[in-house]
Structures are given as structure tokens and as C-alpha cells.
Amino acid sequence: MLEVEITNQNFEEEVLKSEIPVLVDFYATWCGPCKMLSPIISEIAEEYQGKIKVGKVNVDEQTQLAIKFQVASIPTLILFKNGNPVKSSVGFQSKSELEEMLK
């Protein structure tokens, strides 16, 4: 699997210190739209390998990260560049919408 499970413990290393942009997917296992988005996120991780890192944050297990980034609804996607959040989206996104966000 090309997606990285992001936790409070590895967030700084995997996201803030990443040399390439990181798309972080805040999700929950019980969330319907998250399940619909998951295969698209996997495709993005594969197709953009080496250009963009894809991380997944389980909001039920990593509540501190969800609170820190004010995740009120899931799925929430946040694109980080140079350790800073630069773009975000809430709710299900099509692959073309996600690719637009990554530009």
C-alpha cells in the first residue's frame, strides 16, 4: 500500500518534514463517503508516486490531529507543501476534482 498511516507520533516526520507535497486524508472506518473516496485516494497515491505522498489519518484514533486541523466533517483532505496546509476539501471528491486540487 502506497498510503502512509499518519499518527500523532509520525506526523512531523511524514508530513511537516516531507520534501514532496503530502495529501492527507482525514477519514473514519464507519464513514460512507470516506469508503467511496478510498479507492480514488489509492489511485492518486499510485499515479503520483514520488511526486506526492498520500497519508491517511483515522480521526477516531488520532483525535488530536483532527482537532489541530479543525476537521469537523469527514472526509477532509488537506494538501501540505513545505509543512504548511495550502489547500483543503471536505466531502467526497471525484478523481478529476482531486487532481485539480493537486495542481
N, C-alpha and C. Protein backbone atom coordinates (compact mmCIF):
# COMPACT_ATOMS: atom_id res chain seq x y z
N MET A 1 0.85 -1.19 0.00
CA MET A 1 0.00 0.00 0.00
C MET A 1 0.90 1.25 0.00
N LEU A 2 0.58 2.17 -0.87
CA LEU A 2 1.40 3.36 -1.01
C LEU A 2 1.01 4.48 -0.05
N GLU A 3 -0.15 4.33 0.58
CA GLU A 3 -0.57 5.35 1.53
C GLU A 3 0.12 5.11 2.87
N VAL A 4 0.46 6.21 3.54
CA VAL A 4 1.12 6.13 4.84
C VAL A 4 0.09 6.41 5.92
N GLU A 5 0.03 5.56 6.94
CA GLU A 5 -0.86 5.81 8.07
C GLU A 5 -0.20 6.88 8.94
N ILE A 6 -0.88 8.02 9.06
CA ILE A 6 -0.32 9.15 9.80
C ILE A 6 -0.87 9.12 11.23
N THR A 7 0.03 9.27 12.19
CA THR A 7 -0.35 9.32 13.59
C THR A 7 0.26 10.58 14.21
N ASN A 8 -0.14 10.85 15.43
CA ASN A 8 0.46 11.96 16.17
C ASN A 8 1.97 11.80 16.26
N GLN A 9 2.41 10.54 16.41
CA GLN A 9 3.82 10.24 16.60
C GLN A 9 4.65 10.50 15.33
N ASN A 10 4.11 10.18 14.14
CA ASN A 10 4.91 10.32 12.92
C ASN A 10 4.51 11.52 12.06
N PHE A 11 3.57 12.35 12.53
CA PHE A 11 3.08 13.47 11.72
C PHE A 11 4.19 14.42 11.30
N GLU A 12 5.02 14.81 12.24
CA GLU A 12 6.08 15.76 11.92
C GLU A 12 7.02 15.20 10.86
N GLU A 13 7.43 13.95 11.04
CA GLU A 13 8.37 13.32 10.11
C GLU A 13 7.75 13.11 8.73
N GLU A 14 6.53 12.56 8.70
CA GLU A 14 5.89 12.18 7.43
C GLU A 14 5.29 13.37 6.67
N VAL A 15 4.80 14.37 7.39
CA VAL A 15 4.10 15.48 6.74
C VAL A 15 4.93 16.77 6.78
N LEU A 16 5.25 17.23 7.97
CA LEU A 16 5.90 18.54 8.10
C LEU A 16 7.30 18.56 7.49
N LYS A 17 8.03 17.44 7.58
CA LYS A 17 9.40 17.40 7.07
C LYS A 17 9.50 16.77 5.68
N SER A 18 8.37 16.45 5.07
CA SER A 18 8.39 15.81 3.76
C SER A 18 8.95 16.76 2.70
N GLU A 19 9.78 16.22 1.84
CA GLU A 19 10.36 17.03 0.77
C GLU A 19 9.42 17.18 -0.42
N ILE A 20 8.38 16.35 -0.46
CA ILE A 20 7.37 16.46 -1.52
C ILE A 20 6.02 16.80 -0.88
N PRO A 21 5.08 17.36 -1.65
CA PRO A 21 3.76 17.66 -1.09
C PRO A 21 3.11 16.40 -0.51
N VAL A 22 2.29 16.60 0.52
CA VAL A 22 1.60 15.48 1.17
C VAL A 22 0.10 15.75 1.16
N LEU A 23 -0.65 14.81 0.59
CA LEU A 23 -2.11 14.87 0.63
C LEU A 23 -2.56 14.02 1.80
N VAL A 24 -3.19 14.66 2.79
CA VAL A 24 -3.61 13.94 3.99
C VAL A 24 -5.12 13.77 3.96
N ASP A 25 -5.54 12.50 4.07
CA ASP A 25 -6.95 12.13 4.06
C ASP A 25 -7.39 11.85 5.50
N PHE A 26 -8.23 12.73 6.05
CA PHE A 26 -8.81 12.51 7.38
C PHE A 26 -10.10 11.71 7.17
N TYR A 27 -10.17 10.51 7.76
CA TYR A 27 -11.28 9.60 7.49
C TYR A 27 -11.67 8.83 8.75
N ALA A 28 -12.75 8.07 8.65
CA ALA A 28 -13.13 7.12 9.69
C ALA A 28 -13.61 5.84 9.00
N THR A 29 -13.41 4.72 9.66
CA THR A 29 -13.76 3.42 9.05
C THR A 29 -15.27 3.28 8.83
N TRP A 30 -16.09 3.98 9.62
CA TRP A 30 -17.54 3.87 9.52
C TRP A 30 -18.17 4.87 8.54
N CYS A 31 -17.36 5.72 7.94
CA CYS A 31 -17.85 6.83 7.10
C CYS A 31 -18.06 6.37 5.65
N GLY A 32 -19.31 6.46 5.18
CA GLY A 32 -19.65 6.04 3.82
C GLY A 32 -18.89 6.80 2.74
N PRO A 33 -18.94 8.14 2.74
CA PRO A 33 -18.20 8.89 1.73
C PRO A 33 -16.69 8.62 1.77
N CYS A 34 -16.16 8.35 2.98
CA CYS A 34 -14.72 8.02 3.11
C CYS A 34 -14.42 6.71 2.36
N LYS A 35 -15.32 5.74 2.51
CA LYS A 35 -15.14 4.44 1.82
C LYS A 35 -15.21 4.63 0.31
N MET A 36 -16.08 5.52 -0.14
CA MET A 36 -16.19 5.79 -1.58
C MET A 36 -14.93 6.48 -2.10
N LEU A 37 -14.35 7.33 -1.27
CA LEU A 37 -13.17 8.09 -1.66
C LEU A 37 -11.89 7.25 -1.63
N SER A 38 -11.86 6.25 -0.79
CA SER A 38 -10.65 5.46 -0.55
C SER A 38 -9.99 4.90 -1.82
N PRO A 39 -10.75 4.26 -2.75
CA PRO A 39 -10.09 3.75 -3.96
C PRO A 39 -9.51 4.86 -4.84
N ILE A 40 -10.14 6.03 -4.84
CA ILE A 40 -9.63 7.17 -5.62
C ILE A 40 -8.31 7.65 -5.00
N ILE A 41 -8.28 7.71 -3.67
CA ILE A 41 -7.06 8.11 -2.96
C ILE A 41 -5.93 7.12 -3.28
N SER A 42 -6.25 5.83 -3.32
CA SER A 42 -5.25 4.81 -3.64
C SER A 42 -4.71 4.99 -5.06
N GLU A 43 -5.60 5.30 -6.00
CA GLU A 43 -5.18 5.55 -7.39
C GLU A 43 -4.23 6.74 -7.46
N ILE A 44 -4.60 7.81 -6.76
CA ILE A 44 -3.76 9.03 -6.73
C ILE A 44 -2.38 8.68 -6.15
N ALA A 45 -2.37 7.91 -5.06
CA ALA A 45 -1.11 7.52 -4.41
C ALA A 45 -0.22 6.77 -5.40
N GLU A 46 -0.82 5.90 -6.20
CA GLU A 46 -0.06 5.12 -7.17
C GLU A 46 0.42 5.97 -8.34
N GLU A 47 -0.49 6.76 -8.90
CA GLU A 47 -0.17 7.53 -10.10
C GLU A 47 0.79 8.69 -9.83
N TYR A 48 0.75 9.23 -8.61
CA TYR A 48 1.59 10.39 -8.28
C TYR A 48 2.78 9.98 -7.40
N GLN A 49 3.05 8.68 -7.35
CA GLN A 49 4.15 8.18 -6.51
C GLN A 49 5.45 8.90 -6.84
N GLY A 50 6.13 9.37 -5.79
CA GLY A 50 7.38 10.10 -5.99
C GLY A 50 7.17 11.60 -6.14
N LYS A 51 5.95 12.01 -6.52
CA LYS A 51 5.65 13.44 -6.68
C LYS A 51 4.84 13.96 -5.50
N ILE A 52 3.94 13.09 -5.01
CA ILE A 52 3.07 13.45 -3.89
C ILE A 52 2.99 12.25 -2.96
N LYS A 53 3.11 12.52 -1.68
CA LYS A 53 2.93 11.47 -0.67
C LYS A 53 1.46 11.52 -0.23
N VAL A 54 0.88 10.36 -0.02
CA VAL A 54 -0.51 10.31 0.44
C VAL A 54 -0.54 9.69 1.84
N GLY A 55 -1.12 10.44 2.77
CA GLY A 55 -1.24 9.97 4.14
C GLY A 55 -2.69 9.87 4.55
N LYS A 56 -2.96 8.95 5.46
CA LYS A 56 -4.32 8.76 5.95
C LYS A 56 -4.33 8.91 7.47
N VAL A 57 -5.28 9.71 7.96
CA VAL A 57 -5.44 9.92 9.40
C VAL A 57 -6.81 9.40 9.81
N ASN A 58 -6.83 8.38 10.66
CA ASN A 58 -8.08 7.87 11.20
C ASN A 58 -8.48 8.81 12.34
N VAL A 59 -9.56 9.58 12.13
CA VAL A 59 -9.94 10.61 13.10
C VAL A 59 -10.39 10.02 14.43
N ASP A 60 -10.84 8.77 14.45
CA ASP A 60 -11.24 8.14 15.70
C ASP A 60 -10.02 7.78 16.56
N GLU A 61 -8.92 7.47 15.90
CA GLU A 61 -7.70 7.08 16.62
C GLU A 61 -6.77 8.27 16.85
N GLN A 62 -6.85 9.29 15.99
CA GLN A 62 -5.94 10.44 16.05
C GLN A 62 -6.73 11.72 16.25
N THR A 63 -7.50 11.77 17.33
CA THR A 63 -8.38 12.92 17.55
C THR A 63 -7.59 14.23 17.68
N GLN A 64 -6.38 14.17 18.24
CA GLN A 64 -5.59 15.41 18.40
C GLN A 64 -5.28 16.04 17.05
N LEU A 65 -4.94 15.22 16.05
CA LEU A 65 -4.65 15.76 14.72
C LEU A 65 -5.92 16.35 14.10
N ALA A 66 -7.04 15.66 14.28
CA ALA A 66 -8.30 16.16 13.73
C ALA A 66 -8.65 17.51 14.34
N ILE A 67 -8.45 17.64 15.64
CA ILE A 67 -8.74 18.90 16.32
C ILE A 67 -7.76 19.99 15.86
N LYS A 68 -6.48 19.64 15.77
CA LYS A 68 -5.46 20.60 15.38
C LYS A 68 -5.77 21.24 14.03
N PHE A 69 -6.28 20.42 13.09
CA PHE A 69 -6.57 20.93 11.74
C PHE A 69 -8.06 21.22 11.53
N GLN A 70 -8.80 21.33 12.64
CA GLN A 70 -10.20 21.73 12.63
C GLN A 70 -11.05 20.90 11.67
N VAL A 71 -10.84 19.59 11.73
CA VAL A 71 -11.62 18.67 10.89
C VAL A 71 -12.97 18.45 11.57
N ALA A 72 -14.01 19.06 11.00
CA ALA A 72 -15.35 18.96 11.57
C ALA A 72 -16.19 17.93 10.82
N SER A 73 -15.89 17.71 9.55
CA SER A 73 -16.61 16.75 8.72
C SER A 73 -15.59 15.88 8.01
N ILE A 74 -16.00 14.65 7.74
CA ILE A 74 -15.10 13.76 7.01
C ILE A 74 -15.83 13.21 5.80
N PRO A 75 -15.13 12.86 4.74
CA PRO A 75 -13.68 13.00 4.61
C PRO A 75 -13.25 14.46 4.42
N THR A 76 -12.13 14.78 5.01
CA THR A 76 -11.47 16.07 4.78
C THR A 76 -10.09 15.77 4.21
N LEU A 77 -9.74 16.43 3.14
CA LEU A 77 -8.41 16.29 2.54
C LEU A 77 -7.67 17.60 2.70
N ILE A 78 -6.43 17.51 3.14
CA ILE A 78 -5.59 18.72 3.27
C ILE A 78 -4.28 18.45 2.53
N LEU A 79 -3.92 19.37 1.66
CA LEU A 79 -2.66 19.27 0.92
C LEU A 79 -1.63 20.14 1.63
N PHE A 80 -0.52 19.51 2.02
CA PHE A 80 0.57 20.22 2.68
C PHE A 80 1.74 20.38 1.71
N LYS A 81 2.30 21.57 1.67
CA LYS A 81 3.54 21.82 0.92
C LYS A 81 4.51 22.50 1.87
N ASN A 82 5.72 22.00 1.93
CA ASN A 82 6.74 22.56 2.83
C ASN A 82 6.24 22.65 4.27
N GLY A 83 5.45 21.67 4.68
CA GLY A 83 4.97 21.61 6.05
C GLY A 83 3.76 22.49 6.35
N ASN A 84 3.25 23.19 5.34
CA ASN A 84 2.10 24.08 5.56
C ASN A 84 0.88 23.60 4.80
N PRO A 85 -0.31 23.69 5.43
CA PRO A 85 -1.53 23.36 4.70
C PRO A 85 -1.81 24.44 3.65
N VAL A 86 -1.94 24.04 2.38
CA VAL A 86 -2.15 25.03 1.32
C VAL A 86 -3.52 24.93 0.66
N LYS A 87 -4.11 23.74 0.66
CA LYS A 87 -5.43 23.56 0.07
C LYS A 87 -6.17 22.50 0.88
N SER A 88 -7.49 22.59 0.88
CA SER A 88 -8.27 21.57 1.56
C SER A 88 -9.62 21.40 0.87
N SER A 89 -10.22 20.25 1.12
CA SER A 89 -11.57 20.00 0.62
C SER A 89 -12.29 19.12 1.63
N VAL A 90 -13.60 19.27 1.67
CA VAL A 90 -14.43 18.50 2.59
C VAL A 90 -15.47 17.75 1.78
N GLY A 91 -15.67 16.48 2.11
CA GLY A 91 -16.67 15.67 1.43
C GLY A 91 -16.07 14.89 0.28
N PHE A 92 -16.89 14.09 -0.34
CA PHE A 92 -16.43 13.25 -1.45
C PHE A 92 -15.99 14.12 -2.62
N GLN A 93 -14.88 13.75 -3.23
CA GLN A 93 -14.37 14.45 -4.41
C GLN A 93 -14.15 13.43 -5.52
N SER A 94 -14.43 13.80 -6.74
CA SER A 94 -14.13 12.93 -7.87
C SER A 94 -12.62 12.95 -8.11
N LYS A 95 -12.14 12.00 -8.88
CA LYS A 95 -10.71 11.96 -9.16
C LYS A 95 -10.26 13.24 -9.87
N SER A 96 -11.06 13.73 -10.82
CA SER A 96 -10.67 14.94 -11.55
C SER A 96 -10.63 16.15 -10.61
N GLU A 97 -11.55 16.22 -9.64
CA GLU A 97 -11.55 17.32 -8.67
C GLU A 97 -10.27 17.25 -7.80
N LEU A 98 -9.91 16.03 -7.42
CA LEU A 98 -8.69 15.85 -6.61
C LEU A 98 -7.46 16.23 -7.40
N GLU A 99 -7.41 15.82 -8.67
CA GLU A 99 -6.24 16.15 -9.49
C GLU A 99 -6.12 17.66 -9.67
N GLU A 100 -7.25 18.34 -9.77
CA GLU A 100 -7.26 19.81 -9.87
C GLU A 100 -6.67 20.42 -8.58
N MET A 101 -7.04 19.83 -7.45
CA MET A 101 -6.53 20.31 -6.16
C MET A 101 -5.02 20.13 -6.06
N LEU A 102 -4.50 19.11 -6.70
CA LEU A 102 -3.06 18.79 -6.61
C LEU A 102 -2.19 19.67 -7.51
N LYS A 103 -2.81 20.38 -8.43
CA LYS A 103 -2.04 21.22 -9.36
C LYS A 103 -1.43 22.42 -8.66
